[in-house]
Amino acid sequence: MHYSQAARDPQWNVVMRVEMDALQENRTWDIVPQEEGMQVIGIRWVYNIKMHPDGMIEHFKARVVAQSYKQEYGIDYDETFASAIKMQIVHFVFAMATIKGWSLIQLDVKNAFLHRDRKETIYME
């Protein structure tokens, strides 16, 4: 789905507003005027529909992501990092829960933010 399609749909508008509100509430960025010479990267929206096991819609999700493929090493960033869990960790947790007799509960994190100091400044529009 493209932004132009989602922007015409009231359901997608609500979840996009929730995402923007969460980003602002968590002080994810500062709004600054664009100056000449700034290396500016764009953003895009990623849309997903979460389903129940029976195929019914659980909820809509929209996330803002940086178009980081337009960044240049040493100018816009020094390294990349993506917060993703490795399957070995999932298997380990399942194994420990089985061994220890622990109960497992599924948790869906609505908004997750990694807090880390950045040396470089990244400009997005």
PDB file of N, CA and C in Angstrom:
ATOM      1  N   MET A   1       0.853  -1.173   0.000  1.00  0.00           N
ATOM      2  CA  MET A   1       0.000   0.000   0.000  1.00  0.00           C
ATOM      3  C   MET A   1       0.898   1.235   0.000  1.00  0.00           C
ATOM      4  N   HIS A   2       0.473   2.259  -0.693  1.00  0.00           N
ATOM      5  CA  HIS A   2       1.200   3.514  -0.763  1.00  0.00           C
ATOM      6  C   HIS A   2       0.516   4.549   0.125  1.00  0.00           C
ATOM      7  N   TYR A   3       1.283   5.566   0.512  1.00  0.00           N
ATOM      8  CA  TYR A   3       0.741   6.621   1.365  1.00  0.00           C
ATOM      9  C   TYR A   3      -0.489   7.264   0.744  1.00  0.00           C
ATOM     10  N   SER A   4      -0.466   7.490  -0.558  1.00  0.00           N
ATOM     11  CA  SER A   4      -1.601   8.155  -1.216  1.00  0.00           C
ATOM     12  C   SER A   4      -2.894   7.358  -1.039  1.00  0.00           C
ATOM     13  N   GLN A   5      -2.794   6.030  -0.990  1.00  0.00           N
ATOM     14  CA  GLN A   5      -3.969   5.192  -0.762  1.00  0.00           C
ATOM     15  C   GLN A   5      -4.382   5.252   0.704  1.00  0.00           C
ATOM     16  N   ALA A   6      -3.408   5.108   1.606  1.00  0.00           N
ATOM     17  CA  ALA A   6      -3.707   5.090   3.044  1.00  0.00           C
ATOM     18  C   ALA A   6      -4.275   6.425   3.512  1.00  0.00           C
ATOM     19  N   ALA A   7      -3.800   7.514   2.944  1.00  0.00           N
ATOM     20  CA  ALA A   7      -4.245   8.840   3.369  1.00  0.00           C
ATOM     21  C   ALA A   7      -5.731   9.063   3.099  1.00  0.00           C
ATOM     22  N   ARG A   8      -6.306   8.304   2.178  1.00  0.00           N
ATOM     23  CA  ARG A   8      -7.742   8.435   1.872  1.00  0.00           C
ATOM     24  C   ARG A   8      -8.607   7.540   2.749  1.00  0.00           C
ATOM     25  N   ASP A   9      -7.994   6.697   3.575  1.00  0.00           N
ATOM     26  CA  ASP A   9      -8.734   5.728   4.390  1.00  0.00           C
ATOM     27  C   ASP A   9      -8.740   6.176   5.851  1.00  0.00           C
ATOM     28  N   PRO A  10      -9.916   6.398   6.441  1.00  0.00           N
ATOM     29  CA  PRO A  10      -9.984   6.856   7.835  1.00  0.00           C
ATOM     30  C   PRO A  10      -9.282   5.921   8.830  1.00  0.00           C
ATOM     31  N   GLN A  11      -9.353   4.597   8.613  1.00  0.00           N
ATOM     32  CA  GLN A  11      -8.686   3.671   9.545  1.00  0.00           C
ATOM     33  C   GLN A  11      -7.173   3.874   9.521  1.00  0.00           C
ATOM     34  N   TRP A  12      -6.599   4.008   8.337  1.00  0.00           N
ATOM     35  CA  TRP A  12      -5.156   4.213   8.235  1.00  0.00           C
ATOM     36  C   TRP A  12      -4.772   5.585   8.776  1.00  0.00           C
ATOM     37  N   ASN A  13      -5.633   6.583   8.594  1.00  0.00           N
ATOM     38  CA  ASN A  13      -5.345   7.909   9.140  1.00  0.00           C
ATOM     39  C   ASN A  13      -5.222   7.865  10.658  1.00  0.00           C
ATOM     40  N   VAL A  14      -6.085   7.096  11.295  1.00  0.00           N
ATOM     41  CA  VAL A  14      -6.034   6.982  12.757  1.00  0.00           C
ATOM     42  C   VAL A  14      -4.716   6.357  13.203  1.00  0.00           C
ATOM     43  N   VAL A  15      -4.303   5.244  12.591  1.00  0.00           N
ATOM     44  CA  VAL A  15      -3.076   4.580  13.046  1.00  0.00           C
ATOM     45  C   VAL A  15      -1.836   5.391  12.678  1.00  0.00           C
ATOM     46  N   MET A  16      -1.882   6.133  11.570  1.00  0.00           N
ATOM     47  CA  MET A  16      -0.754   7.005  11.244  1.00  0.00           C
ATOM     48  C   MET A  16      -0.648   8.132  12.267  1.00  0.00           C
ATOM     49  N   ARG A  17      -1.782   8.670  12.719  1.00  0.00           N
ATOM     50  CA  ARG A  17      -1.772   9.720  13.737  1.00  0.00           C
ATOM     51  C   ARG A  17      -1.234   9.165  15.053  1.00  0.00           C
ATOM     52  N   VAL A  18      -1.628   7.947  15.423  1.00  0.00           N
ATOM     53  CA  VAL A  18      -1.121   7.313  16.649  1.00  0.00           C
ATOM     54  C   VAL A  18       0.403   7.179  16.572  1.00  0.00           C
ATOM     55  N   GLU A  19       0.919   6.750  15.432  1.00  0.00           N
ATOM     56  CA  GLU A  19       2.371   6.613  15.253  1.00  0.00           C
ATOM     57  C   GLU A  19       3.069   7.967  15.378  1.00  0.00           C
ATOM     58  N   MET A  20       2.545   8.983  14.722  1.00  0.00           N
ATOM     59  CA  MET A  20       3.162  10.309  14.797  1.00  0.00           C
ATOM     60  C   MET A  20       3.104  10.871  16.217  1.00  0.00           C
ATOM     61  N   ASP A  21       1.981  10.669  16.901  1.00  0.00           N
ATOM     62  CA  ASP A  21       1.858  11.128  18.291  1.00  0.00           C
ATOM     63  C   ASP A  21       2.880  10.437  19.191  1.00  0.00           C
ATOM     64  N   ALA A  22       3.073   9.130  18.999  1.00  0.00           N
ATOM     65  CA  ALA A  22       4.050   8.390  19.813  1.00  0.00           C
ATOM     66  C   ALA A  22       5.469   8.889  19.542  1.00  0.00           C
ATOM     67  N   LEU A  23       5.785   9.155  18.287  1.00  0.00           N
ATOM     68  CA  LEU A  23       7.115   9.675  17.948  1.00  0.00           C
ATOM     69  C   LEU A  23       7.349  11.042  18.584  1.00  0.00           C
ATOM     70  N   GLN A  24       6.333  11.888  18.560  1.00  0.00           N
ATOM     71  CA  GLN A  24       6.464  13.211  19.167  1.00  0.00           C
ATOM     72  C   GLN A  24       6.514  13.120  20.688  1.00  0.00           C
ATOM     73  N   GLU A  25       5.670  12.274  21.271  1.00  0.00           N
ATOM     74  CA  GLU A  25       5.641  12.113  22.731  1.00  0.00           C
ATOM     75  C   GLU A  25       6.979  11.603  23.266  1.00  0.00           C
ATOM     76  N   ASN A  26       7.631  10.737  22.509  1.00  0.00           N
ATOM     77  CA  ASN A  26       8.916  10.180  22.932  1.00  0.00           C
ATOM     78  C   ASN A  26      10.104  11.038  22.499  1.00  0.00           C
ATOM     79  N   ARG A  27       9.827  12.218  21.984  1.00  0.00           N
ATOM     80  CA  ARG A  27      10.870  13.159  21.572  1.00  0.00           C
ATOM     81  C   ARG A  27      11.901  12.485  20.674  1.00  0.00           C
ATOM     82  N   THR A  28      11.384  11.799  19.659  1.00  0.00           N
ATOM     83  CA  THR A  28      12.217  11.061  18.727  1.00  0.00           C
ATOM     84  C   THR A  28      13.060  11.999  17.879  1.00  0.00           C
ATOM     85  N   TRP A  29      12.557  13.201  17.636  1.00  0.00           N
ATOM     86  CA  TRP A  29      13.296  14.131  16.792  1.00  0.00           C
ATOM     87  C   TRP A  29      13.016  15.565  17.205  1.00  0.00           C
ATOM     88  N   ASP A  30      13.811  16.467  16.662  1.00  0.00           N
ATOM     89  CA  ASP A  30      13.592  17.907  16.792  1.00  0.00           C
ATOM     90  C   ASP A  30      13.302  18.421  15.394  1.00  0.00           C
ATOM     91  N   ILE A  31      12.358  19.318  15.273  1.00  0.00           N
ATOM     92  CA  ILE A  31      12.067  19.926  13.983  1.00  0.00           C
ATOM     93  C   ILE A  31      12.990  21.128  13.814  1.00  0.00           C
ATOM     94  N   VAL A  32      13.727  21.143  12.713  1.00  0.00           N
ATOM     95  CA  VAL A  32      14.671  22.225  12.422  1.00  0.00           C
ATOM     96  C   VAL A  32      14.457  22.699  10.985  1.00  0.00           C
ATOM     97  N   PRO A  33      14.795  23.944  10.706  1.00  0.00           N
ATOM     98  CA  PRO A  33      14.675  24.400   9.314  1.00  0.00           C
ATOM     99  C   PRO A  33      15.752  23.749   8.451  1.00  0.00           C
ATOM    100  N   GLN A  34      15.396  23.460   7.200  1.00  0.00           N
ATOM    101  CA  GLN A  34      16.371  22.857   6.298  1.00  0.00           C
ATOM    102  C   GLN A  34      17.309  23.944   5.782  1.00  0.00           C
ATOM    103  N   GLU A  35      18.594  23.670   5.881  1.00  0.00           N
ATOM    104  CA  GLU A  35      19.598  24.625   5.422  1.00  0.00           C
ATOM    105  C   GLU A  35      20.354  24.042   4.245  1.00  0.00           C
ATOM    106  N   GLU A  36      20.933  24.906   3.475  1.00  0.00           N
ATOM    107  CA  GLU A  36      21.702  24.471   2.312  1.00  0.00           C
ATOM    108  C   GLU A  36      22.878  23.602   2.758  1.00  0.00           C
ATOM    109  N   GLY A  37      23.104  22.530   2.033  1.00  0.00           N
ATOM    110  CA  GLY A  37      24.218  21.633   2.339  1.00  0.00           C
ATOM    111  C   GLY A  37      23.871  20.479   3.259  1.00  0.00           C
ATOM    112  N   MET A  38      22.672  20.482   3.828  1.00  0.00           N
ATOM    113  CA  MET A  38      22.257  19.368   4.696  1.00  0.00           C
ATOM    114  C   MET A  38      22.070  18.115   3.845  1.00  0.00           C
ATOM    115  N   GLN A  39      22.561  16.981   4.330  1.00  0.00           N
ATOM    116  CA  GLN A  39      22.279  15.690   3.712  1.00  0.00           C
ATOM    117  C   GLN A  39      20.939  15.243   4.284  1.00  0.00           C
ATOM    118  N   VAL A  40      19.885  15.292   3.482  1.00  0.00           N
ATOM    119  CA  VAL A  40      18.525  14.993   3.954  1.00  0.00           C
ATOM    120  C   VAL A  40      18.056  13.685   3.340  1.00  0.00           C
ATOM    121  N   ILE A  41      17.524  12.800   4.185  1.00  0.00           N
ATOM    122  CA  ILE A  41      16.938  11.551   3.691  1.00  0.00           C
ATOM    123  C   ILE A  41      15.434  11.610   3.895  1.00  0.00           C
ATOM    124  N   GLY A  42      14.712  10.872   3.097  1.00  0.00           N
ATOM    125  CA  GLY A  42      13.260  10.861   3.194  1.00  0.00           C
ATOM    126  C   GLY A  42      12.763   9.816   4.182  1.00  0.00           C
ATOM    127  N   ILE A  43      11.464   9.798   4.324  1.00  0.00           N
ATOM    128  CA  ILE A  43      10.810   8.766   5.138  1.00  0.00           C
ATOM    129  C   ILE A  43       9.806   8.059   4.250  1.00  0.00           C
ATOM    130  N   ARG A  44       9.329   6.947   4.721  1.00  0.00           N
ATOM    131  CA  ARG A  44       8.203   6.286   4.072  1.00  0.00           C
ATOM    132  C   ARG A  44       7.408   5.575   5.146  1.00  0.00           C
ATOM    133  N   TRP A  45       6.190   5.280   4.828  1.00  0.00           N
ATOM    134  CA  TRP A  45       5.304   4.567   5.734  1.00  0.00           C
ATOM    135  C   TRP A  45       5.309   3.088   5.375  1.00  0.00           C
ATOM    136  N   VAL A  46       5.291   2.242   6.402  1.00  0.00           N
ATOM    137  CA  VAL A  46       5.153   0.805   6.226  1.00  0.00           C
ATOM    138  C   VAL A  46       3.841   0.414   6.897  1.00  0.00           C
ATOM    139  N   TYR A  47       2.997  -0.269   6.158  1.00  0.00           N
ATOM    140  CA  TYR A  47       1.661  -0.626   6.635  1.00  0.00           C
ATOM    141  C   TYR A  47       1.547  -2.139   6.814  1.00  0.00           C
ATOM    142  N   ASN A  48       0.815  -2.531   7.858  1.00  0.00           N
ATOM    143  CA  ASN A  48       0.623  -3.943   8.131  1.00  0.00           C
ATOM    144  C   ASN A  48      -0.743  -4.133   8.780  1.00  0.00           C
ATOM    145  N   ILE A  49      -1.386  -5.211   8.433  1.00  0.00           N
ATOM    146  CA  ILE A  49      -2.647  -5.569   9.083  1.00  0.00           C
ATOM    147  C   ILE A  49      -2.386  -6.824   9.897  1.00  0.00           C
ATOM    148  N   LYS A  50      -2.525  -6.713  11.220  1.00  0.00           N
ATOM    149  CA  LYS A  50      -2.351  -7.865  12.111  1.00  0.00           C
ATOM    150  C   LYS A  50      -3.661  -8.647  12.138  1.00  0.00           C
ATOM    151  N   MET A  51      -3.528  -9.966  12.006  1.00  0.00           N
ATOM    152  CA  MET A  51      -4.709 -10.823  11.946  1.00  0.00           C
ATOM    153  C   MET A  51      -4.772 -11.747  13.168  1.00  0.00           C
ATOM    154  N   HIS A  52      -5.990 -12.096  13.568  1.00  0.00           N
ATOM    155  CA  HIS A  52      -6.206 -13.134  14.566  1.00  0.00           C
ATOM    156  C   HIS A  52      -5.971 -14.489  13.880  1.00  0.00           C
ATOM    157  N   PRO A  53      -5.729 -15.535  14.649  1.00  0.00           N
ATOM    158  CA  PRO A  53      -5.546 -16.862  14.040  1.00  0.00           C
ATOM    159  C   PRO A  53      -6.700 -17.306  13.144  1.00  0.00           C
ATOM    160  N   ASP A  54      -7.911 -16.796  13.428  1.00  0.00           N
ATOM    161  CA  ASP A  54      -9.064 -17.192  12.612  1.00  0.00           C
ATOM    162  C   ASP A  54      -9.204 -16.365  11.332  1.00  0.00           C
ATOM    163  N   GLY A  55      -8.250 -15.461  11.094  1.00  0.00           N
ATOM    164  CA  GLY A  55      -8.266 -14.655   9.878  1.00  0.00           C
ATOM    165  C   GLY A  55      -8.970 -13.316  10.000  1.00  0.00           C
ATOM    166  N   MET A  56      -9.571 -13.044  11.147  1.00  0.00           N
ATOM    167  CA  MET A  56     -10.234 -11.754  11.359  1.00  0.00           C
ATOM    168  C   MET A  56      -9.168 -10.687  11.645  1.00  0.00           C
ATOM    169  N   ILE A  57      -9.449  -9.464  11.273  1.00  0.00           N
ATOM    170  CA  ILE A  57      -8.503  -8.370  11.495  1.00  0.00           C
ATOM    171  C   ILE A  57      -8.431  -8.047  12.975  1.00  0.00           C
ATOM    172  N   GLU A  58      -7.207  -8.031  13.513  1.00  0.00           N
ATOM    173  CA  GLU A  58      -6.980  -7.645  14.905  1.00  0.00           C
ATOM    174  C   GLU A  58      -6.804  -6.129  14.984  1.00  0.00           C
ATOM    175  N   HIS A  59      -5.848  -5.604  14.227  1.00  0.00           N
ATOM    176  CA  HIS A  59      -5.665  -4.159  14.160  1.00  0.00           C
ATOM    177  C   HIS A  59      -4.740  -3.783  13.003  1.00  0.00           C
ATOM    178  N   PHE A  60      -4.754  -2.511  12.685  1.00  0.00           N
ATOM    179  CA  PHE A  60      -3.914  -1.963  11.632  1.00  0.00           C
ATOM    180  C   PHE A  60      -2.671  -1.354  12.280  1.00  0.00           C
ATOM    181  N   LYS A  61      -1.517  -1.477  11.602  1.00  0.00           N
ATOM    182  CA  LYS A  61      -0.285  -0.885  12.113  1.00  0.00           C
ATOM    183  C   LYS A  61       0.355  -0.059  11.005  1.00  0.00           C
ATOM    184  N   ALA A  62       0.852   1.109  11.362  1.00  0.00           N
ATOM    185  CA  ALA A  62       1.576   1.961  10.423  1.00  0.00           C
ATOM    186  C   ALA A  62       2.837   2.444  11.129  1.00  0.00           C
ATOM    187  N   ARG A  63       3.954   2.350  10.456  1.00  0.00           N
ATOM    188  CA  ARG A  63       5.233   2.771  11.023  1.00  0.00           C
ATOM    189  C   ARG A  63       5.952   3.705  10.062  1.00  0.00           C
ATOM    190  N   VAL A  64       6.600   4.710  10.610  1.00  0.00           N
ATOM    191  CA  VAL A  64       7.438   5.613   9.823  1.00  0.00           C
ATOM    192  C   VAL A  64       8.855   5.045   9.849  1.00  0.00           C
ATOM    193  N   VAL A  65       9.460   4.913   8.680  1.00  0.00           N
ATOM    194  CA  VAL A  65      10.846   4.432   8.612  1.00  0.00           C
ATOM    195  C   VAL A  65      11.661   5.384   7.743  1.00  0.00           C
ATOM    196  N   ALA A  66      12.930   5.500   8.088  1.00  0.00           N
ATOM    197  CA  ALA A  66      13.837   6.337   7.304  1.00  0.00           C
ATOM    198  C   ALA A  66      14.234   5.597   6.043  1.00  0.00           C
ATOM    199  N   GLN A  67      14.369   6.318   4.972  1.00  0.00           N
ATOM    200  CA  GLN A  67      14.859   5.734   3.726  1.00  0.00           C
ATOM    201  C   GLN A  67      16.386   5.694   3.809  1.00  0.00           C
ATOM    202  N   SER A  68      16.869   4.834   4.700  1.00  0.00           N
ATOM    203  CA  SER A  68      18.298   4.817   5.026  1.00  0.00           C
ATOM    204  C   SER A  68      19.166   4.351   3.867  1.00  0.00           C
ATOM    205  N   TYR A  69      18.589   3.744   2.852  1.00  0.00           N
ATOM    206  CA  TYR A  69      19.378   3.321   1.715  1.00  0.00           C
ATOM    207  C   TYR A  69      19.945   4.526   0.961  1.00  0.00           C
ATOM    208  N   LYS A  70      19.489   5.714   1.295  1.00  0.00           N
ATOM    209  CA  LYS A  70      20.010   6.919   0.648  1.00  0.00           C
ATOM    210  C   LYS A  70      21.127   7.563   1.467  1.00  0.00           C
ATOM    211  N   GLN A  71      21.452   6.986   2.625  1.00  0.00           N
ATOM    212  CA  GLN A  71      22.519   7.536   3.450  1.00  0.00           C
ATOM    213  C   GLN A  71      23.879   7.126   2.902  1.00  0.00           C
ATOM    214  N   GLU A  72      24.895   7.898   3.282  1.00  0.00           N
ATOM    215  CA  GLU A  72      26.258   7.601   2.865  1.00  0.00           C
ATOM    216  C   GLU A  72      27.105   7.339   4.094  1.00  0.00           C
ATOM    217  N   TYR A  73      27.844   6.229   4.054  1.00  0.00           N
ATOM    218  CA  TYR A  73      28.688   5.850   5.183  1.00  0.00           C
ATOM    219  C   TYR A  73      29.694   6.966   5.475  1.00  0.00           C
ATOM    220  N   GLY A  74      29.814   7.320   6.735  1.00  0.00           N
ATOM    221  CA  GLY A  74      30.746   8.355   7.155  1.00  0.00           C
ATOM    222  C   GLY A  74      30.172   9.761   7.078  1.00  0.00           C
ATOM    223  N   ILE A  75      29.046   9.930   6.364  1.00  0.00           N
ATOM    224  CA  ILE A  75      28.408  11.249   6.273  1.00  0.00           C
ATOM    225  C   ILE A  75      27.135  11.258   7.104  1.00  0.00           C
ATOM    226  N   ASP A  76      26.235  10.317   6.811  1.00  0.00           N
ATOM    227  CA  ASP A  76      24.962  10.233   7.517  1.00  0.00           C
ATOM    228  C   ASP A  76      24.974   9.222   8.655  1.00  0.00           C
ATOM    229  N   TYR A  77      25.919   8.302   8.638  1.00  0.00           N
ATOM    230  CA  TYR A  77      25.989   7.299   9.696  1.00  0.00           C
ATOM    231  C   TYR A  77      27.367   6.646   9.709  1.00  0.00           C
ATOM    232  N   ASP A  78      27.704   6.035  10.842  1.00  0.00           N
ATOM    233  CA  ASP A  78      28.953   5.283  10.973  1.00  0.00           C
ATOM    234  C   ASP A  78      28.700   3.792  11.013  1.00  0.00           C
ATOM    235  N   GLU A  79      27.501   3.397  11.430  1.00  0.00           N
ATOM    236  CA  GLU A  79      27.161   1.978  11.492  1.00  0.00           C
ATOM    237  C   GLU A  79      25.650   1.848  11.405  1.00  0.00           C
ATOM    238  N   THR A  80      25.179   0.659  11.158  1.00  0.00           N
ATOM    239  CA  THR A  80      23.735   0.445  11.125  1.00  0.00           C
ATOM    240  C   THR A  80      23.351  -0.527  12.227  1.00  0.00           C
ATOM    241  N   PHE A  81      22.126  -0.421  12.671  1.00  0.00           N
ATOM    242  CA  PHE A  81      21.618  -1.300  13.711  1.00  0.00           C
ATOM    243  C   PHE A  81      20.126  -1.466  13.525  1.00  0.00           C
ATOM    244  N   ALA A  82      19.664  -2.660  13.581  1.00  0.00           N
ATOM    245  CA  ALA A  82      18.234  -2.932  13.529  1.00  0.00           C
ATOM    246  C   ALA A  82      17.870  -3.793  14.728  1.00  0.00           C
ATOM    247  N   SER A  83      16.842  -3.384  15.436  1.00  0.00           N
ATOM    248  CA  SER A  83      16.423  -4.148  16.613  1.00  0.00           C
ATOM    249  C   SER A  83      15.562  -5.324  16.172  1.00  0.00           C
ATOM    250  N   ALA A  84      16.186  -6.445  16.027  1.00  0.00           N
ATOM    251  CA  ALA A  84      15.468  -7.662  15.646  1.00  0.00           C
ATOM    252  C   ALA A  84      15.950  -8.791  16.548  1.00  0.00           C
ATOM    253  N   ILE A  85      15.039  -9.637  16.916  1.00  0.00           N
ATOM    254  CA  ILE A  85      15.405 -10.747  17.794  1.00  0.00           C
ATOM    255  C   ILE A  85      15.882 -11.916  16.935  1.00  0.00           C
ATOM    256  N   LYS A  86      16.893 -12.585  17.409  1.00  0.00           N
ATOM    257  CA  LYS A  86      17.404 -13.761  16.700  1.00  0.00           C
ATOM    258  C   LYS A  86      16.588 -14.978  17.115  1.00  0.00           C
ATOM    259  N   MET A  87      16.348 -15.859  16.174  1.00  0.00           N
ATOM    260  CA  MET A  87      15.548 -17.050  16.467  1.00  0.00           C
ATOM    261  C   MET A  87      16.200 -17.920  17.541  1.00  0.00           C
ATOM    262  N   GLN A  88      17.531 -17.892  17.654  1.00  0.00           N
ATOM    263  CA  GLN A  88      18.204 -18.663  18.704  1.00  0.00           C
ATOM    264  C   GLN A  88      17.736 -18.211  20.093  1.00  0.00           C
ATOM    265  N   ILE A  89      17.481 -16.907  20.242  1.00  0.00           N
ATOM    266  CA  ILE A  89      16.998 -16.388  21.526  1.00  0.00           C
ATOM    267  C   ILE A  89      15.589 -16.905  21.798  1.00  0.00           C
ATOM    268  N   VAL A  90      14.746 -16.894  20.777  1.00  0.00           N
ATOM    269  CA  VAL A  90      13.381 -17.407  20.933  1.00  0.00           C
ATOM    270  C   VAL A  90      13.418 -18.878  21.336  1.00  0.00           C
ATOM    271  N   HIS A  91      14.235 -19.661  20.648  1.00  0.00           N
ATOM    272  CA  HIS A  91      14.360 -21.097  20.981  1.00  0.00           C
ATOM    273  C   HIS A  91      14.880 -21.289  22.398  1.00  0.00           C
ATOM    274  N   PHE A  92      15.845 -20.457  22.803  1.00  0.00           N
ATOM    275  CA  PHE A  92      16.393 -20.549  24.151  1.00  0.00           C
ATOM    276  C   PHE A  92      15.313 -20.266  25.198  1.00  0.00           C
ATOM    277  N   VAL A  93      14.517 -19.215  24.973  1.00  0.00           N
ATOM    278  CA  VAL A  93      13.458 -18.864  25.925  1.00  0.00           C
ATOM    279  C   VAL A  93      12.426 -19.991  26.011  1.00  0.00           C
ATOM    280  N   PHE A  94      12.040 -20.562  24.860  1.00  0.00           N
ATOM    281  CA  PHE A  94      11.100 -21.686  24.876  1.00  0.00           C
ATOM    282  C   PHE A  94      11.677 -22.877  25.625  1.00  0.00           C
ATOM    283  N   ALA A  95      12.951 -23.168  25.402  1.00  0.00           N
ATOM    284  CA  ALA A  95      13.601 -24.292  26.081  1.00  0.00           C
ATOM    285  C   ALA A  95      13.642 -24.057  27.586  1.00  0.00           C
ATOM    286  N   MET A  96      14.026 -22.847  27.998  1.00  0.00           N
ATOM    287  CA  MET A  96      14.089 -22.544  29.438  1.00  0.00           C
ATOM    288  C   MET A  96      12.703 -22.620  30.077  1.00  0.00           C
ATOM    289  N   ALA A  97      11.694 -22.108  29.367  1.00  0.00           N
ATOM    290  CA  ALA A  97      10.338 -22.159  29.905  1.00  0.00           C
ATOM    291  C   ALA A  97       9.882 -23.605  30.083  1.00  0.00           C
ATOM    292  N   THR A  98      10.232 -24.452  29.134  1.00  0.00           N
ATOM    293  CA  THR A  98       9.869 -25.867  29.227  1.00  0.00           C
ATOM    294  C   THR A  98      10.579 -26.532  30.391  1.00  0.00           C
ATOM    295  N   ILE A  99      11.886 -26.303  30.496  1.00  0.00           N
ATOM    296  CA  ILE A  99      12.689 -26.910  31.565  1.00  0.00           C
ATOM    297  C   ILE A  99      12.231 -26.440  32.943  1.00  0.00           C
ATOM    298  N   LYS A 100      11.979 -25.143  33.076  1.00  0.00           N
ATOM    299  CA  LYS A 100      11.631 -24.562  34.375  1.00  0.00           C
ATOM    300  C   LYS A 100      10.134 -24.614  34.676  1.00  0.00           C
ATOM    301  N   GLY A 101       9.315 -25.014  33.682  1.00  0.00           N
ATOM    302  CA  GLY A 101       7.870 -25.059  33.894  1.00  0.00           C
ATOM    303  C   GLY A 101       7.233 -23.676  33.920  1.00  0.00           C
ATOM    304  N   TRP A 102       7.853 -22.706  33.242  1.00  0.00           N
ATOM    305  CA  TRP A 102       7.328 -21.336  33.209  1.00  0.00           C
ATOM    306  C   TRP A 102       6.168 -21.235  32.232  1.00  0.00           C
ATOM    307  N   SER A 103       5.265 -20.308  32.523  1.00  0.00           N
ATOM    308  CA  SER A 103       4.195 -19.971  31.585  1.00  0.00           C
ATOM    309  C   SER A 103       4.705 -18.883  30.648  1.00  0.00           C
ATOM    310  N   LEU A 104       4.281 -18.945  29.420  1.00  0.00           N
ATOM    311  CA  LEU A 104       4.644 -17.905  28.455  1.00  0.00           C
ATOM    312  C   LEU A 104       3.401 -17.139  28.054  1.00  0.00           C
ATOM    313  N   ILE A 105       3.557 -15.843  27.920  1.00  0.00           N
ATOM    314  CA  ILE A 105       2.466 -14.972  27.501  1.00  0.00           C
ATOM    315  C   ILE A 105       2.958 -14.155  26.315  1.00  0.00           C
ATOM    316  N   GLN A 106       2.152 -14.061  25.272  1.00  0.00           N
ATOM    317  CA  GLN A 106       2.520 -13.264  24.120  1.00  0.00           C
ATOM    318  C   GLN A 106       2.324 -11.789  24.433  1.00  0.00           C
ATOM    319  N   LEU A 107       3.237 -10.975  23.961  1.00  0.00           N
ATOM    320  CA  LEU A 107       3.157  -9.543  24.172  1.00  0.00           C
ATOM    321  C   LEU A 107       3.414  -8.843  22.844  1.00  0.00           C
ATOM    322  N   ASP A 108       2.536  -7.960  22.457  1.00  0.00           N
ATOM    323  CA  ASP A 108       2.718  -7.170  21.244  1.00  0.00           C
ATOM    324  C   ASP A 108       3.026  -5.751  21.678  1.00  0.00           C
ATOM    325  N   VAL A 109       4.235  -5.304  21.402  1.00  0.00           N
ATOM    326  CA  VAL A 109       4.655  -3.971  21.805  1.00  0.00           C
ATOM    327  C   VAL A 109       4.116  -2.975  20.793  1.00  0.00           C
ATOM    328  N   LYS A 110       3.346  -2.022  21.287  1.00  0.00           N
ATOM    329  CA  LYS A 110       2.712  -1.059  20.385  1.00  0.00           C
ATOM    330  C   LYS A 110       3.743  -0.111  19.781  1.00  0.00           C
ATOM    331  N   ASN A 111       4.587   0.467  20.604  1.00  0.00           N
ATOM    332  CA  ASN A 111       5.655   1.350  20.134  1.00  0.00           C
ATOM    333  C   ASN A 111       6.913   1.029  20.922  1.00  0.00           C
ATOM    334  N   ALA A 112       7.967   0.694  20.228  1.00  0.00           N
ATOM    335  CA  ALA A 112       9.241   0.411  20.884  1.00  0.00           C
ATOM    336  C   ALA A 112      10.256   1.444  20.428  1.00  0.00           C
ATOM    337  N   PHE A 113      10.989   2.001  21.366  1.00  0.00           N
ATOM    338  CA  PHE A 113      11.988   3.000  21.053  1.00  0.00           C
ATOM    339  C   PHE A 113      13.301   2.599  21.692  1.00  0.00           C
ATOM    340  N   LEU A 114      14.350   2.635  20.898  1.00  0.00           N
ATOM    341  CA  LEU A 114      15.685   2.379  21.418  1.00  0.00           C
ATOM    342  C   LEU A 114      16.314   3.724  21.746  1.00  0.00           C
ATOM    343  N   HIS A 115      16.782   3.867  22.964  1.00  0.00           N
ATOM    344  CA  HIS A 115      17.390   5.124  23.372  1.00  0.00           C
ATOM    345  C   HIS A 115      18.896   4.958  23.338  1.00  0.00           C
ATOM    346  N   ARG A 116      19.516   5.791  22.537  1.00  0.00           N
ATOM    347  CA  ARG A 116      20.964   5.720  22.424  1.00  0.00           C
ATOM    348  C   ARG A 116      21.448   7.081  21.981  1.00  0.00           C
ATOM    349  N   ASP A 117      22.590   7.488  22.494  1.00  0.00           N
ATOM    350  CA  ASP A 117      23.176   8.752  22.073  1.00  0.00           C
ATOM    351  C   ASP A 117      23.783   8.580  20.689  1.00  0.00           C
ATOM    352  N   ARG A 118      23.534   9.535  19.834  1.00  0.00           N
ATOM    353  CA  ARG A 118      24.078   9.517  18.472  1.00  0.00           C
ATOM    354  C   ARG A 118      25.176  10.555  18.382  1.00  0.00           C
ATOM    355  N   LYS A 119      26.259  10.194  17.704  1.00  0.00           N
ATOM    356  CA  LYS A 119      27.342  11.151  17.463  1.00  0.00           C
ATOM    357  C   LYS A 119      27.011  12.037  16.271  1.00  0.00           C
ATOM    358  N   GLU A 120      26.321  11.450  15.288  1.00  0.00           N
ATOM    359  CA  GLU A 120      26.027  12.186  14.072  1.00  0.00           C
ATOM    360  C   GLU A 120      24.592  12.692  14.096  1.00  0.00           C
ATOM    361  N   THR A 121      24.341  13.690  13.275  1.00  0.00           N
ATOM    362  CA  THR A 121      22.997  14.232  13.121  1.00  0.00           C
ATOM    363  C   THR A 121      22.435  13.705  11.805  1.00  0.00           C
ATOM    364  N   ILE A 122      21.207  13.238  11.854  1.00  0.00           N
ATOM    365  CA  ILE A 122      20.541  12.741  10.659  1.00  0.00           C
ATOM    366  C   ILE A 122      19.347  13.651  10.397  1.00  0.00           C
ATOM    367  N   TYR A 123      19.272  14.157   9.182  1.00  0.00           N
ATOM    368  CA  TYR A 123      18.174  15.020   8.792  1.00  0.00           C
ATOM    369  C   TYR A 123      17.206  14.227   7.927  1.00  0.00           C
ATOM    370  N   MET A 124      15.924  14.271   8.284  1.00  0.00           N
ATOM    371  CA  MET A 124      14.879  13.555   7.544  1.00  0.00           C
ATOM    372  C   MET A 124      13.801  14.548   7.143  1.00  0.00           C
ATOM    373  N   GLU A 125      13.142  14.253   6.021  1.00  0.00           N
ATOM    374  CA  GLU A 125      11.975  15.070   5.650  1.00  0.00           C
ATOM    375  C   GLU A 125      10.874  14.157   5.177  1.00  0.00           C
TER     376      GLU A 125
END
